[in-house]
N, C-alpha and C. Protein backbone atom coordinates (compact mmCIF):
# COMPACT_ATOMS: atom_id res chain seq x y z
N UNK A 1 -23.60 -10.26 -4.32
CA UNK A 1 -23.03 -11.08 -3.71
C UNK A 1 -21.52 -10.46 -2.93
N UNK A 2 -20.86 -9.97 -3.49
CA UNK A 2 -19.22 -9.66 -2.89
C UNK A 2 -19.85 -9.23 -1.51
N UNK A 3 -18.85 -9.09 -0.28
CA UNK A 3 -18.93 -8.76 0.78
C UNK A 3 -18.15 -7.28 0.64
N UNK A 4 -17.84 -6.90 1.96
CA UNK A 4 -17.39 -5.82 2.37
C UNK A 4 -15.86 -6.12 2.63
N UNK A 5 -14.77 -5.43 2.30
CA UNK A 5 -13.34 -5.74 2.06
C UNK A 5 -12.80 -5.63 3.72
N UNK A 6 -12.24 -6.36 3.70
CA UNK A 6 -11.19 -6.31 5.10
C UNK A 6 -10.56 -5.06 5.16
N UNK A 7 -9.75 -4.37 6.29
CA UNK A 7 -9.15 -3.49 6.17
C UNK A 7 -7.40 -3.82 5.59
N UNK A 8 -7.55 -5.07 5.63
CA UNK A 8 -6.27 -5.47 4.99
C UNK A 8 -6.41 -5.37 3.41
N UNK A 9 -7.34 -6.35 2.94
CA UNK A 9 -7.89 -5.86 1.74
C UNK A 9 -8.25 -4.39 1.06
N UNK A 10 -8.42 -3.16 1.76
CA UNK A 10 -8.75 -1.93 1.39
C UNK A 10 -7.50 -1.79 1.40
N UNK A 11 -6.53 -1.60 2.17
CA UNK A 11 -4.81 -0.93 2.03
C UNK A 11 -4.53 -1.17 1.05
N UNK A 12 -4.44 -3.22 0.60
CA UNK A 12 -3.33 -3.46 -0.37
C UNK A 12 -4.03 -3.03 -1.71
N UNK A 13 -5.27 -2.96 -2.05
CA UNK A 13 -5.79 -2.62 -2.92
C UNK A 13 -5.98 -1.33 -3.33
N UNK A 14 -6.13 0.00 -2.55
CA UNK A 14 -5.71 0.88 -2.62
C UNK A 14 -4.35 1.64 -2.64
N UNK A 15 -3.30 1.07 -2.39
CA UNK A 15 -1.72 0.86 -2.45
C UNK A 15 -1.54 0.38 -3.72
N UNK A 16 -1.79 -0.62 -4.41
CA UNK A 16 -1.94 -1.07 -5.68
C UNK A 16 -2.21 -0.05 -6.77
N UNK A 17 -3.35 0.45 -6.44
CA UNK A 17 -4.36 1.25 -7.41
C UNK A 17 -3.66 2.74 -7.72
N UNK A 18 -2.81 3.39 -6.33
CA UNK A 18 -2.02 4.76 -6.51
C UNK A 18 -0.83 3.94 -6.82
N UNK A 19 -0.39 3.22 -6.85
CA UNK A 19 0.90 3.09 -7.65
C UNK A 19 0.69 2.53 -8.87
N UNK A 20 -0.21 2.18 -9.04
CA UNK A 20 -0.33 1.84 -11.05
C UNK A 20 -0.54 3.18 -11.47
N UNK A 21 -1.37 4.38 -10.87
CA UNK A 21 -1.87 5.37 -11.01
C UNK A 21 -0.11 6.51 -11.16
N UNK A 22 0.76 6.06 -10.67
CA UNK A 22 2.11 6.45 -10.60
C UNK A 22 2.80 6.04 -11.49
N UNK A 23 2.54 4.91 -12.57
CA UNK A 23 3.09 4.34 -13.83
C UNK A 23 4.34 3.77 -12.87
N UNK A 24 4.14 2.73 -11.74
CA UNK A 24 5.04 1.91 -11.60
C UNK A 24 5.08 0.62 -12.14
N UNK A 25 5.76 0.02 -12.51
CA UNK A 25 5.43 -1.60 -12.61
C UNK A 25 5.11 -2.62 -12.26
N UNK A 26 3.71 -3.28 -13.03
CA UNK A 26 3.20 -4.35 -11.99
C UNK A 26 3.54 -5.06 -10.91
N UNK A 27 4.78 -5.62 -11.10
CA UNK A 27 5.42 -6.53 -10.13
C UNK A 27 5.69 -5.59 -9.00
N UNK A 28 6.31 -4.76 -9.22
CA UNK A 28 6.50 -3.58 -7.61
C UNK A 28 5.31 -3.29 -7.55
N UNK A 29 3.94 -2.97 -7.88
CA UNK A 29 3.00 -2.91 -6.90
C UNK A 29 2.59 -3.90 -6.44
N UNK A 30 2.73 -5.05 -6.95
CA UNK A 30 2.08 -6.12 -6.63
C UNK A 30 2.69 -6.01 -4.68
N UNK A 31 4.00 -6.33 -5.13
CA UNK A 31 4.93 -6.52 -4.16
C UNK A 31 4.47 -5.54 -3.18
N UNK A 32 4.90 -4.19 -3.39
CA UNK A 32 4.86 -3.17 -2.38
C UNK A 32 3.31 -3.19 -1.44
N UNK A 33 2.36 -3.45 -2.43
CA UNK A 33 1.38 -3.31 -1.96
C UNK A 33 0.69 -4.30 -0.66
N UNK A 34 1.28 -5.85 -1.23
CA UNK A 34 1.49 -6.86 0.11
C UNK A 34 2.34 -6.26 1.47
N UNK A 35 3.72 -5.80 0.92
CA UNK A 35 4.22 -5.48 2.35
C UNK A 35 3.74 -4.15 2.93
N UNK A 36 3.07 -3.49 2.24
CA UNK A 36 2.18 -2.10 2.92
C UNK A 36 1.22 -3.09 3.85
N UNK A 37 0.72 -4.30 3.84
CA UNK A 37 -0.24 -4.54 4.74
C UNK A 37 0.34 -5.19 5.99
N UNK A 38 1.82 -5.65 5.79
CA UNK A 38 2.61 -5.91 7.14
C UNK A 38 3.10 -4.40 7.57
N UNK A 39 3.61 -3.61 6.87
CA UNK A 39 3.68 -2.36 7.81
C UNK A 39 2.67 -1.91 8.13
N UNK A 40 1.56 -1.64 7.91
CA UNK A 40 -0.05 -1.28 8.39
C UNK A 40 0.11 -2.19 9.93
N UNK A 41 0.08 -3.39 10.17
CA UNK A 41 0.05 -4.64 11.14
C UNK A 41 1.16 -4.34 11.99
N UNK A 42 2.34 -3.57 11.65
CA UNK A 42 3.44 -3.11 12.60
C UNK A 42 3.36 -1.91 13.43
N UNK A 43 2.70 -1.21 12.43
CA UNK A 43 2.62 0.07 13.10
C UNK A 43 1.36 0.33 14.27
N UNK A 44 1.47 0.95 15.42
CA UNK A 44 0.31 1.41 16.67
C UNK A 44 0.08 2.63 16.62
N UNK A 45 0.59 3.40 15.89
CA UNK A 45 0.44 4.93 16.04
C UNK A 45 0.69 5.44 14.56
N UNK A 46 -0.12 6.46 14.16
CA UNK A 46 0.08 7.13 12.77
C UNK A 46 0.00 8.28 12.74
N UNK A 47 1.23 9.22 12.03
CA UNK A 47 0.95 10.46 12.08
C UNK A 47 -0.27 11.49 11.45
N UNK A 48 -0.20 10.81 10.52
CA UNK A 48 -1.75 11.28 9.82
C UNK A 48 -2.70 10.90 10.06
N UNK A 49 -3.39 9.99 8.62
CA UNK A 49 -4.42 8.75 8.81
C UNK A 49 -3.76 7.53 8.61
N UNK A 50 -4.03 6.55 8.98
CA UNK A 50 -3.45 5.06 8.91
C UNK A 50 -3.06 5.00 7.28
N UNK A 51 -4.29 5.36 6.36
CA UNK A 51 -4.02 4.97 4.68
C UNK A 51 -3.48 6.05 4.22
N UNK A 52 -3.30 7.61 4.71
CA UNK A 52 -2.48 8.21 4.33
C UNK A 52 -0.69 7.99 4.41
N UNK A 53 -0.75 7.28 5.81
CA UNK A 53 0.80 7.08 6.17
C UNK A 53 1.08 5.97 5.18
N UNK A 54 0.38 4.84 5.10
CA UNK A 54 0.72 3.36 4.42
C UNK A 54 1.03 3.80 3.12
N UNK A 55 0.08 4.78 2.48
CA UNK A 55 0.46 5.02 0.86
C UNK A 55 1.91 5.86 0.90
N UNK A 56 1.98 6.79 1.68
CA UNK A 56 3.35 7.65 1.57
C UNK A 56 4.25 6.70 1.67
N UNK A 57 4.38 5.39 2.75
CA UNK A 57 5.38 4.81 3.00
C UNK A 57 5.74 4.02 1.83
N UNK A 58 4.49 3.21 0.88
CA UNK A 58 4.50 2.90 -0.21
C UNK A 58 5.23 3.47 -1.17
N UNK A 59 4.64 4.49 -1.71
CA UNK A 59 5.25 4.91 -2.42
C UNK A 59 6.91 5.26 -2.63
N UNK A 60 7.49 5.65 -1.33
CA UNK A 60 9.09 5.45 -0.95
C UNK A 60 9.58 4.27 -1.32
N UNK A 61 8.61 3.02 -0.60
CA UNK A 61 9.13 1.84 -1.33
C UNK A 61 9.34 1.49 -2.57
N UNK A 62 8.21 1.89 -3.31
CA UNK A 62 8.17 1.92 -4.58
C UNK A 62 9.19 2.15 -5.59
N UNK A 63 9.46 3.61 -5.15
CA UNK A 63 10.86 3.96 -5.75
C UNK A 63 12.21 3.54 -5.39
N UNK A 64 12.13 3.04 -4.29
CA UNK A 64 13.61 2.42 -3.80
C UNK A 64 13.77 1.06 -4.62
N UNK A 65 12.69 0.14 -5.02
CA UNK A 65 12.83 -0.93 -5.54
C UNK A 65 12.77 -0.96 -6.88
N UNK A 66 12.73 0.71 -7.25
CA UNK A 66 12.97 1.19 -9.07
C UNK A 66 14.04 1.65 -9.25
N UNK A 67 14.87 1.52 -8.42
CA UNK A 67 16.30 2.00 -8.76
C UNK A 67 16.74 0.79 -9.21
């Protein structure tokens, strides 16, 4: 039954999964994954691919929240 993910769901899931692989706490993964969708929505141009840029931004955000 499950349908395709929206682009926002795709970004949120992939960011969350990537941050979990990097051993960030669940709370930070959840928060940054949600923020990454807002970041994606606010950008009109990406330097690499949209997903790579969002993941790079998310890693920096997670590191800053972990301090």
